[in-house]
PDB file of all heavy atoms in Angstrom:
ATOM      1  N   ARG A   1       7.739  -3.375-103.115  1.00  0.00           N
ATOM      2  CA  ARG A   1       9.069  -3.746-102.632  1.00  0.00           C
ATOM      3  C   ARG A   1       9.731  -2.648-101.801  1.00  0.00           C
ATOM      4  O   ARG A   1      10.299  -2.913-100.737  1.00  0.00           O
ATOM      5  CB  ARG A   1       9.943  -4.111-103.819  1.00  0.00           C
ATOM      6  CG  ARG A   1      11.326  -4.540-103.432  1.00  0.00           C
ATOM      7  CD  ARG A   1      12.095  -5.017-104.659  1.00  0.00           C
ATOM      8  NE  ARG A   1      13.442  -5.337-104.281  1.00  0.00           N
ATOM      9  CZ  ARG A   1      14.516  -4.848-104.865  1.00  0.00           C
ATOM     10  NH1 ARG A   1      14.404  -4.036-105.888  1.00  0.00           N
ATOM     11  NH2 ARG A   1      15.708  -5.192-104.454  1.00  0.00           N
ATOM     12  N   ASP A   2       9.682  -1.415-102.271  1.00  0.00           N
ATOM     13  CA  ASP A   2      10.396  -0.334-101.588  1.00  0.00           C
ATOM     14  C   ASP A   2       9.874  -0.096-100.171  1.00  0.00           C
ATOM     15  O   ASP A   2      10.664   0.060 -99.232  1.00  0.00           O
ATOM     16  CB  ASP A   2      10.316   0.968-102.402  1.00  0.00           C
ATOM     17  CG  ASP A   2      11.134   0.899-103.685  1.00  0.00           C
ATOM     18  OD1 ASP A   2      12.011   0.020-103.798  1.00  0.00           O
ATOM     19  OD2 ASP A   2      10.883   1.725-104.582  1.00  0.00           O
ATOM     20  N   GLU A   3       8.558  -0.066-100.004  1.00  0.00           N
ATOM     21  CA  GLU A   3       7.993   0.168 -98.672  1.00  0.00           C
ATOM     22  C   GLU A   3       8.248  -1.025 -97.751  1.00  0.00           C
ATOM     23  O   GLU A   3       8.581  -0.848 -96.580  1.00  0.00           O
ATOM     24  CB  GLU A   3       6.490   0.459 -98.750  1.00  0.00           C
ATOM     25  CG  GLU A   3       5.818   0.657 -97.406  1.00  0.00           C
ATOM     26  CD  GLU A   3       6.358   1.820 -96.574  1.00  0.00           C
ATOM     27  OE1 GLU A   3       7.087   2.686 -97.089  1.00  0.00           O
ATOM     28  OE2 GLU A   3       6.031   1.864 -95.365  1.00  0.00           O
ATOM     29  N   ALA A   4       8.119  -2.239 -98.273  1.00  0.00           N
ATOM     30  CA  ALA A   4       8.399  -3.428 -97.464  1.00  0.00           C
ATOM     31  C   ALA A   4       9.868  -3.433 -97.033  1.00  0.00           C
ATOM     32  O   ALA A   4      10.183  -3.718 -95.870  1.00  0.00           O
ATOM     33  CB  ALA A   4       8.056  -4.693 -98.237  1.00  0.00           C
ATOM     34  N   LEU A   5      10.754  -3.084 -97.932  1.00  0.00           N
ATOM     35  CA  LEU A   5      12.178  -3.020 -97.628  1.00  0.00           C
ATOM     36  C   LEU A   5      12.462  -1.958 -96.568  1.00  0.00           C
ATOM     37  O   LEU A   5      13.205  -2.201 -95.613  1.00  0.00           O
ATOM     38  CB  LEU A   5      12.949  -2.726 -98.915  1.00  0.00           C
ATOM     39  CG  LEU A   5      14.457  -2.785 -98.863  1.00  0.00           C
ATOM     40  CD1 LEU A   5      14.941  -4.149 -98.410  1.00  0.00           C
ATOM     41  CD2 LEU A   5      15.026  -2.460-100.236  1.00  0.00           C
ATOM     42  N   ARG A   6      11.854  -0.798 -96.713  1.00  0.00           N
ATOM     43  CA  ARG A   6      12.048   0.278 -95.725  1.00  0.00           C
ATOM     44  C   ARG A   6      11.609  -0.184 -94.335  1.00  0.00           C
ATOM     45  O   ARG A   6      12.305   0.019 -93.346  1.00  0.00           O
ATOM     46  CB  ARG A   6      11.259   1.522 -96.142  1.00  0.00           C
ATOM     47  CG  ARG A   6      11.502   2.724 -95.218  1.00  0.00           C
ATOM     48  CD  ARG A   6      10.484   3.828 -95.412  1.00  0.00           C
ATOM     49  NE  ARG A   6       9.145   3.456 -95.017  1.00  0.00           N
ATOM     50  CZ  ARG A   6       8.727   3.345 -93.740  1.00  0.00           C
ATOM     51  NH1 ARG A   6       9.564   3.557 -92.749  1.00  0.00           N
ATOM     52  NH2 ARG A   6       7.477   3.015 -93.458  1.00  0.00           N
ATOM     53  N   ARG A   7      10.446  -0.829 -94.262  1.00  0.00           N
ATOM     54  CA  ARG A   7       9.931  -1.294 -92.970  1.00  0.00           C
ATOM     55  C   ARG A   7      10.832  -2.368 -92.362  1.00  0.00           C
ATOM     56  O   ARG A   7      11.081  -2.375 -91.155  1.00  0.00           O
ATOM     57  CB  ARG A   7       8.519  -1.838 -93.122  1.00  0.00           C
ATOM     58  CG  ARG A   7       7.499  -0.751 -93.365  1.00  0.00           C
ATOM     59  CD  ARG A   7       6.108  -1.322 -93.392  1.00  0.00           C
ATOM     60  NE  ARG A   7       5.130  -0.339 -93.816  1.00  0.00           N
ATOM     61  CZ  ARG A   7       3.827  -0.507 -93.713  1.00  0.00           C
ATOM     62  NH1 ARG A   7       3.335  -1.622 -93.204  1.00  0.00           N
ATOM     63  NH2 ARG A   7       2.993   0.429 -94.116  1.00  0.00           N
ATOM     64  N   LEU A   8      11.321  -3.280 -93.195  1.00  0.00           N
ATOM     65  CA  LEU A   8      12.195  -4.336 -92.686  1.00  0.00           C
ATOM     66  C   LEU A   8      13.520  -3.773 -92.188  1.00  0.00           C
ATOM     67  O   LEU A   8      14.008  -4.178 -91.133  1.00  0.00           O
ATOM     68  CB  LEU A   8      12.451  -5.383 -93.767  1.00  0.00           C
ATOM     69  CG  LEU A   8      11.343  -6.407 -93.925  1.00  0.00           C
ATOM     70  CD1 LEU A   8      11.534  -7.203 -95.201  1.00  0.00           C
ATOM     71  CD2 LEU A   8      11.296  -7.341 -92.737  1.00  0.00           C
ATOM     72  N   GLN A   9      14.094  -2.846 -92.923  1.00  0.00           N
ATOM     73  CA  GLN A   9      15.348  -2.246 -92.474  1.00  0.00           C
ATOM     74  C   GLN A   9      15.159  -1.527 -91.149  1.00  0.00           C
ATOM     75  O   GLN A   9      15.989  -1.639 -90.246  1.00  0.00           O
ATOM     76  CB  GLN A   9      15.890  -1.292 -93.543  1.00  0.00           C
ATOM     77  CG  GLN A   9      16.434  -2.019 -94.742  1.00  0.00           C
ATOM     78  CD  GLN A   9      16.818  -1.096 -95.877  1.00  0.00           C
ATOM     79  OE1 GLN A   9      16.183  -0.068 -96.104  1.00  0.00           O
ATOM     80  NE2 GLN A   9      17.845  -1.484 -96.612  1.00  0.00           N
ATOM     81  N   SER A  10      14.058  -0.828 -91.007  1.00  0.00           N
ATOM     82  CA  SER A  10      13.753  -0.144 -89.753  1.00  0.00           C
ATOM     83  C   SER A  10      13.580  -1.140 -88.610  1.00  0.00           C
ATOM     84  O   SER A  10      14.075  -0.935 -87.503  1.00  0.00           O
ATOM     85  CB  SER A  10      12.490   0.706 -89.933  1.00  0.00           C
ATOM     86  OG  SER A  10      12.137   1.326 -88.740  1.00  0.00           O
ATOM     87  N   LYS A  11      12.887  -2.239 -88.885  1.00  0.00           N
ATOM     88  CA  LYS A  11      12.664  -3.267 -87.868  1.00  0.00           C
ATOM     89  C   LYS A  11      13.981  -3.915 -87.446  1.00  0.00           C
ATOM     90  O   LYS A  11      14.213  -4.130 -86.249  1.00  0.00           O
ATOM     91  CB  LYS A  11      11.686  -4.322 -88.385  1.00  0.00           C
ATOM     92  CG  LYS A  11      11.380  -5.413 -87.408  1.00  0.00           C
ATOM     93  CD  LYS A  11      10.599  -4.887 -86.218  1.00  0.00           C
ATOM     94  CE  LYS A  11      10.103  -6.027 -85.347  1.00  0.00           C
ATOM     95  NZ  LYS A  11       9.298  -5.523 -84.223  1.00  0.00           N
ATOM     96  N   PHE A  12      14.855  -4.229 -88.397  1.00  0.00           N
ATOM     97  CA  PHE A  12      16.139  -4.819 -88.048  1.00  0.00           C
ATOM     98  C   PHE A  12      16.976  -3.866 -87.198  1.00  0.00           C
ATOM     99  O   PHE A  12      17.651  -4.295 -86.269  1.00  0.00           O
ATOM    100  CB  PHE A  12      16.905  -5.255 -89.290  1.00  0.00           C
ATOM    101  CG  PHE A  12      16.460  -6.582 -89.825  1.00  0.00           C
ATOM    102  CD1 PHE A  12      15.832  -6.669 -91.051  1.00  0.00           C
ATOM    103  CD2 PHE A  12      16.656  -7.753 -89.105  1.00  0.00           C
ATOM    104  CE1 PHE A  12      15.414  -7.890 -91.553  1.00  0.00           C
ATOM    105  CE2 PHE A  12      16.233  -8.975 -89.601  1.00  0.00           C
ATOM    106  CZ  PHE A  12      15.608  -9.048 -90.824  1.00  0.00           C
ATOM    107  N   ASP A  13      16.926  -2.571 -87.501  1.00  0.00           N
ATOM    108  CA  ASP A  13      17.629  -1.588 -86.673  1.00  0.00           C
ATOM    109  C   ASP A  13      17.078  -1.607 -85.244  1.00  0.00           C
ATOM    110  O   ASP A  13      17.835  -1.574 -84.279  1.00  0.00           O
ATOM    111  CB  ASP A  13      17.490  -0.184 -87.265  1.00  0.00           C
ATOM    112  CG  ASP A  13      18.302   0.014 -88.527  1.00  0.00           C
ATOM    113  OD1 ASP A  13      19.215  -0.800 -88.790  1.00  0.00           O
ATOM    114  OD2 ASP A  13      18.009   0.978 -89.264  1.00  0.00           O
ATOM    115  N   GLN A  14      15.761  -1.661 -85.122  1.00  0.00           N
ATOM    116  CA  GLN A  14      15.118  -1.694 -83.814  1.00  0.00           C
ATOM    117  C   GLN A  14      15.512  -2.958 -83.035  1.00  0.00           C
ATOM    118  O   GLN A  14      15.839  -2.895 -81.853  1.00  0.00           O
ATOM    119  CB  GLN A  14      13.596  -1.640 -83.971  1.00  0.00           C
ATOM    120  CG  GLN A  14      12.841  -1.771 -82.692  1.00  0.00           C
ATOM    121  CD  GLN A  14      11.336  -1.952 -82.936  1.00  0.00           C
ATOM    122  OE1 GLN A  14      10.852  -1.906 -84.059  1.00  0.00           O
ATOM    123  NE2 GLN A  14      10.605  -2.170 -81.867  1.00  0.00           N
ATOM    124  N   VAL A  15      15.480  -4.096 -83.706  1.00  0.00           N
ATOM    125  CA  VAL A  15      15.836  -5.371 -83.065  1.00  0.00           C
ATOM    126  C   VAL A  15      17.300  -5.346 -82.619  1.00  0.00           C
ATOM    127  O   VAL A  15      17.636  -5.788 -81.522  1.00  0.00           O
ATOM    128  CB  VAL A  15      15.558  -6.556 -84.011  1.00  0.00           C
ATOM    129  CG1 VAL A  15      16.191  -7.839 -83.502  1.00  0.00           C
ATOM    130  CG2 VAL A  15      14.059  -6.729 -84.200  1.00  0.00           C
ATOM    131  N   ARG A  16      18.190  -4.823 -83.457  1.00  0.00           N
ATOM    132  CA  ARG A  16      19.600  -4.733 -83.112  1.00  0.00           C
ATOM    133  C   ARG A  16      19.810  -3.893 -81.864  1.00  0.00           C
ATOM    134  O   ARG A  16      20.567  -4.264 -80.969  1.00  0.00           O
ATOM    135  CB  ARG A  16      20.411  -4.171 -84.284  1.00  0.00           C
ATOM    136  CG  ARG A  16      21.892  -4.194 -84.031  1.00  0.00           C
ATOM    137  CD  ARG A  16      22.794  -3.836 -85.173  1.00  0.00           C
ATOM    138  NE  ARG A  16      22.577  -2.857 -86.191  1.00  0.00           N
ATOM    139  CZ  ARG A  16      21.630  -2.728 -87.121  1.00  0.00           C
ATOM    140  NH1 ARG A  16      20.675  -3.505 -87.187  1.00  0.00           N
ATOM    141  NH2 ARG A  16      21.591  -1.800 -88.015  1.00  0.00           N
ATOM    142  N   ARG A  17      19.100  -2.763 -81.769  1.00  0.00           N
ATOM    143  CA  ARG A  17      19.220  -1.916 -80.579  1.00  0.00           C
ATOM    144  C   ARG A  17      18.642  -2.617 -79.346  1.00  0.00           C
ATOM    145  O   ARG A  17      19.210  -2.550 -78.261  1.00  0.00           O
ATOM    146  CB  ARG A  17      18.512  -0.585 -80.805  1.00  0.00           C
ATOM    147  CG  ARG A  17      19.259   0.381 -81.706  1.00  0.00           C
ATOM    148  CD  ARG A  17      18.643   1.773 -81.699  1.00  0.00           C
ATOM    149  NE  ARG A  17      17.222   1.779 -82.005  1.00  0.00           N
ATOM    150  CZ  ARG A  17      16.689   1.826 -83.229  1.00  0.00           C
ATOM    151  NH1 ARG A  17      17.487   1.864 -84.276  1.00  0.00           N
ATOM    152  NH2 ARG A  17      15.387   1.853 -83.411  1.00  0.00           N
ATOM    153  N   GLN A  18      17.513  -3.274 -79.506  1.00  0.00           N
ATOM    154  CA  GLN A  18      16.823  -3.898 -78.386  1.00  0.00           C
ATOM    155  C   GLN A  18      17.560  -5.126 -77.841  1.00  0.00           C
ATOM    156  O   GLN A  18      17.599  -5.343 -76.643  1.00  0.00           O
ATOM    157  CB  GLN A  18      15.407  -4.290 -78.805  1.00  0.00           C
ATOM    158  CG  GLN A  18      14.556  -4.814 -77.672  1.00  0.00           C
ATOM    159  CD  GLN A  18      13.112  -5.052 -78.123  1.00  0.00           C
ATOM    160  OE1 GLN A  18      12.719  -4.748 -79.246  1.00  0.00           O
ATOM    161  NE2 GLN A  18      12.333  -5.605 -77.224  1.00  0.00           N
ATOM    162  N   TYR A  19      18.113  -5.949 -78.729  1.00  0.00           N
ATOM    163  CA  TYR A  19      18.718  -7.210 -78.315  1.00  0.00           C
ATOM    164  C   TYR A  19      20.229  -7.252 -78.493  1.00  0.00           C
ATOM    165  O   TYR A  19      20.839  -8.311 -78.326  1.00  0.00           O
ATOM    166  CB  TYR A  19      18.091  -8.375 -79.089  1.00  0.00           C
ATOM    167  CG  TYR A  19      16.624  -8.525 -78.817  1.00  0.00           C
ATOM    168  CD1 TYR A  19      15.683  -8.127 -79.755  1.00  0.00           C
ATOM    169  CD2 TYR A  19      16.174  -9.033 -77.608  1.00  0.00           C
ATOM    170  CE1 TYR A  19      14.320  -8.254 -79.504  1.00  0.00           C
ATOM    171  CE2 TYR A  19      14.812  -9.156 -77.337  1.00  0.00           C
ATOM    172  CZ  TYR A  19      13.900  -8.765 -78.299  1.00  0.00           C
ATOM    173  OH  TYR A  19      12.561  -8.878 -78.042  1.00  0.00           O
ATOM    174  N   GLY A  20      20.841  -6.129 -78.807  1.00  0.00           N
ATOM    175  CA  GLY A  20      22.273  -6.094 -79.081  1.00  0.00           C
ATOM    176  C   GLY A  20      23.146  -6.615 -77.960  1.00  0.00           C
ATOM    177  O   GLY A  20      24.194  -7.198 -78.216  1.00  0.00           O
ATOM    178  N   ASP A  21      22.700  -6.480 -76.734  1.00  0.00           N
ATOM    179  CA  ASP A  21      23.514  -6.943 -75.609  1.00  0.00           C
ATOM    180  C   ASP A  21      23.501  -8.459 -75.450  1.00  0.00           C
ATOM    181  O   ASP A  21      24.351  -9.024 -74.772  1.00  0.00           O
ATOM    182  CB  ASP A  21      23.074  -6.272 -74.314  1.00  0.00           C
ATOM    183  CG  ASP A  21      21.613  -6.536 -73.971  1.00  0.00           C
ATOM    184  OD1 ASP A  21      20.829  -6.881 -74.873  1.00  0.00           O
ATOM    185  OD2 ASP A  21      21.254  -6.387 -72.778  1.00  0.00           O
ATOM    186  N   SER A  22      22.558  -9.153 -76.073  1.00  0.00           N
ATOM    187  CA  SER A  22      22.504 -10.615 -75.958  1.00  0.00           C
ATOM    188  C   SER A  22      22.884 -11.315 -77.266  1.00  0.00           C
ATOM    189  O   SER A  22      22.754 -12.522 -77.379  1.00  0.00           O
ATOM    190  CB  SER A  22      21.107 -11.072 -75.516  1.00  0.00           C
ATOM    191  OG  SER A  22      20.134 -10.664 -76.443  1.00  0.00           O
ATOM    192  N   VAL A  23      23.365 -10.544 -78.238  1.00  0.00           N
ATOM    193  CA  VAL A  23      23.745 -11.078 -79.542  1.00  0.00           C
ATOM    194  C   VAL A  23      25.186 -10.684 -79.824  1.00  0.00           C
ATOM    195  O   VAL A  23      25.569  -9.542 -79.640  1.00  0.00           O
ATOM    196  CB  VAL A  23      22.816 -10.528 -80.657  1.00  0.00           C
ATOM    197  CG1 VAL A  23      23.302 -10.924 -82.023  1.00  0.00           C
ATOM    198  CG2 VAL A  23      21.398 -10.991 -80.438  1.00  0.00           C
ATOM    199  N   GLY A  24      25.964 -11.647 -80.282  1.00  0.00           N
ATOM    200  CA  GLY A  24      27.354 -11.374 -80.611  1.00  0.00           C
ATOM    201  C   GLY A  24      27.646 -11.755 -82.051  1.00  0.00           C
ATOM    202  O   GLY A  24      26.842 -12.406 -82.720  1.00  0.00           O
ATOM    203  N   GLU A  25      28.817 -11.359 -82.500  1.00  0.00           N
ATOM    204  CA  GLU A  25      29.297 -11.703 -83.843  1.00  0.00           C
ATOM    205  C   GLU A  25      28.243 -11.418 -84.909  1.00  0.00           C
ATOM    206  O   GLU A  25      28.035 -12.212 -85.829  1.00  0.00           O
ATOM    207  CB  GLU A  25      29.731 -13.170 -83.900  1.00  0.00           C
ATOM    208  CG  GLU A  25      30.834 -13.510 -82.934  1.00  0.00           C
ATOM    209  CD  GLU A  25      31.187 -14.981 -82.914  1.00  0.00           C
ATOM    210  OE1 GLU A  25      31.081 -15.643 -83.967  1.00  0.00           O
ATOM    211  OE2 GLU A  25      31.579 -15.468 -81.849  1.00  0.00           O
ATOM    212  N   LEU A  26      27.600 -10.272 -84.805  1.00  0.00           N
ATOM    213  CA  LEU A  26      26.547  -9.895 -85.747  1.00  0.00           C
ATOM    214  C   LEU A  26      27.153  -9.480 -87.074  1.00  0.00           C
ATOM    215  O   LEU A  26      28.044  -8.637 -87.130  1.00  0.00           O
ATOM    216  CB  LEU A  26      25.723  -8.741 -85.171  1.00  0.00           C
ATOM    217  CG  LEU A  26      24.613  -8.183 -86.053  1.00  0.00           C
ATOM    218  CD1 LEU A  26      23.533  -9.238 -86.268  1.00  0.00           C
ATOM    219  CD2 LEU A  26      24.020  -6.940 -85.435  1.00  0.00           C
ATOM    220  N   THR A  27      26.683 -10.120 -88.137  1.00  0.00           N
ATOM    221  CA  THR A  27      27.057  -9.716 -89.490  1.00  0.00           C
ATOM    222  C   THR A  27      25.769  -9.470 -90.263  1.00  0.00           C
ATOM    223  O   THR A  27      24.768 -10.157 -90.056  1.00  0.00           O
ATOM    224  CB  THR A  27      27.880 -10.795 -90.218  1.00  0.00           C
ATOM    225  OG1 THR A  27      27.106 -11.989 -90.332  1.00  0.00           O
ATOM    226  CG2 THR A  27      29.172 -11.085 -89.492  1.00  0.00           C
ATOM    227  N   GLU A  28      25.774  -8.466 -91.097  1.00  0.00           N
ATOM    228  CA  GLU A  28      24.603  -8.171 -91.913  1.00  0.00           C
ATOM    229  C   GLU A  28      25.034  -7.480 -93.185  1.00  0.00           C
ATOM    230  O   GLU A  28      26.011  -6.748 -93.206  1.00  0.00           O
ATOM    231  CB  GLU A  28      23.594  -7.328 -91.150  1.00  0.00           C
ATOM    232  CG  GLU A  28      24.124  -5.995 -90.670  1.00  0.00           C
ATOM    233  CD  GLU A  28      23.095  -5.225 -89.877  1.00  0.00           C
ATOM    234  OE1 GLU A  28      22.116  -4.754 -90.487  1.00  0.00           O
ATOM    235  OE2 GLU A  28      23.274  -5.084 -88.671  1.00  0.00           O
ATOM    236  N   SER A  29      24.262  -7.733 -94.232  1.00  0.00           N
ATOM    237  CA  SER A  29      24.563  -7.142 -95.522  1.00  0.00           C
ATOM    238  C   SER A  29      23.266  -6.982 -96.310  1.00  0.00           C
ATOM    239  O   SER A  29      22.560  -7.958 -96.551  1.00  0.00           O
ATOM    240  CB  SER A  29      25.526  -8.055 -96.290  1.00  0.00           C
ATOM    241  OG  SER A  29      25.684  -7.608 -97.614  1.00  0.00           O
ATOM    242  N   TRP A  30      22.950  -5.741 -96.687  1.00  0.00           N
ATOM    243  CA  TRP A  30      21.784  -5.444 -97.528  1.00  0.00           C
ATOM    244  C   TRP A  30      22.284  -5.214 -98.936  1.00  0.00           C
ATOM    245  O   TRP A  30      23.191  -4.418 -99.147  1.00  0.00           O
ATOM    246  CB  TRP A  30      21.075  -4.182 -97.057  1.00  0.00           C
ATOM    247  CG  TRP A  30      20.281  -4.342 -95.810  1.00  0.00           C
ATOM    248  CD1 TRP A  30      20.679  -4.017 -94.550  1.00  0.00           C
ATOM    249  CD2 TRP A  30      18.947  -4.832 -95.694  1.00  0.00           C
ATOM    250  NE1 TRP A  30      19.677  -4.294 -93.664  1.00  0.00           N
ATOM    251  CE2 TRP A  30      18.597  -4.787 -94.333  1.00  0.00           C
ATOM    252  CE3 TRP A  30      18.015  -5.318 -96.607  1.00  0.00           C
ATOM    253  CZ2 TRP A  30      17.355  -5.206 -93.867  1.00  0.00           C
ATOM    254  CZ3 TRP A  30      16.779  -5.729 -96.133  1.00  0.00           C
ATOM    255  CH2 TRP A  30      16.460  -5.663 -94.781  1.00  0.00           C
ATOM    256  N   GLN A  31      21.667  -5.881 -99.906  1.00  0.00           N
ATOM    257  CA  GLN A  31      22.029  -5.636-101.304  1.00  0.00           C
ATOM    258  C   GLN A  31      20.859  -6.034-102.193  1.00  0.00           C
ATOM    259  O   GLN A  31      20.436  -7.191-102.197  1.00  0.00           O
ATOM    260  CB  GLN A  31      23.276  -6.423-101.686  1.00  0.00           C
ATOM    261  CG  GLN A  31      23.751  -6.107-103.078  1.00  0.00           C
ATOM    262  CD  GLN A  31      25.067  -6.800-103.389  1.00  0.00           C
ATOM    263  OE1 GLN A  31      25.604  -7.559-102.599  1.00  0.00           O
ATOM    264  NE2 GLN A  31      25.591  -6.529-104.561  1.00  0.00           N
ATOM    265  N   ASP A  32      20.347  -5.067-102.933  1.00  0.00           N
ATOM    266  CA  ASP A  32      19.295  -5.307-103.920  1.00  0.00           C
ATOM    267  C   ASP A  32      18.111  -6.103-103.365  1.00  0.00           C
ATOM    268  O   ASP A  32      17.686  -7.101-103.944  1.00  0.00           O
ATOM    269  CB  ASP A  32      19.857  -6.036-105.151  1.00  0.00           C
ATOM    270  CG  ASP A  32      20.888  -5.190-105.881  1.00  0.00           C
ATOM    271  OD1 ASP A  32      20.749  -3.961-105.876  1.00  0.00           O
ATOM    272  OD2 ASP A  32      21.828  -5.770-106.447  1.00  0.00           O
TER     273      ASP A  32
END
């Protein structure tokens, strides 16, 4: 779980940076 979670969080950060200009009203929440 921990490694999969780390990779997913990193990927979401990358996607947000890459596509942030074409995405609006972004909401996100990580919990457990």
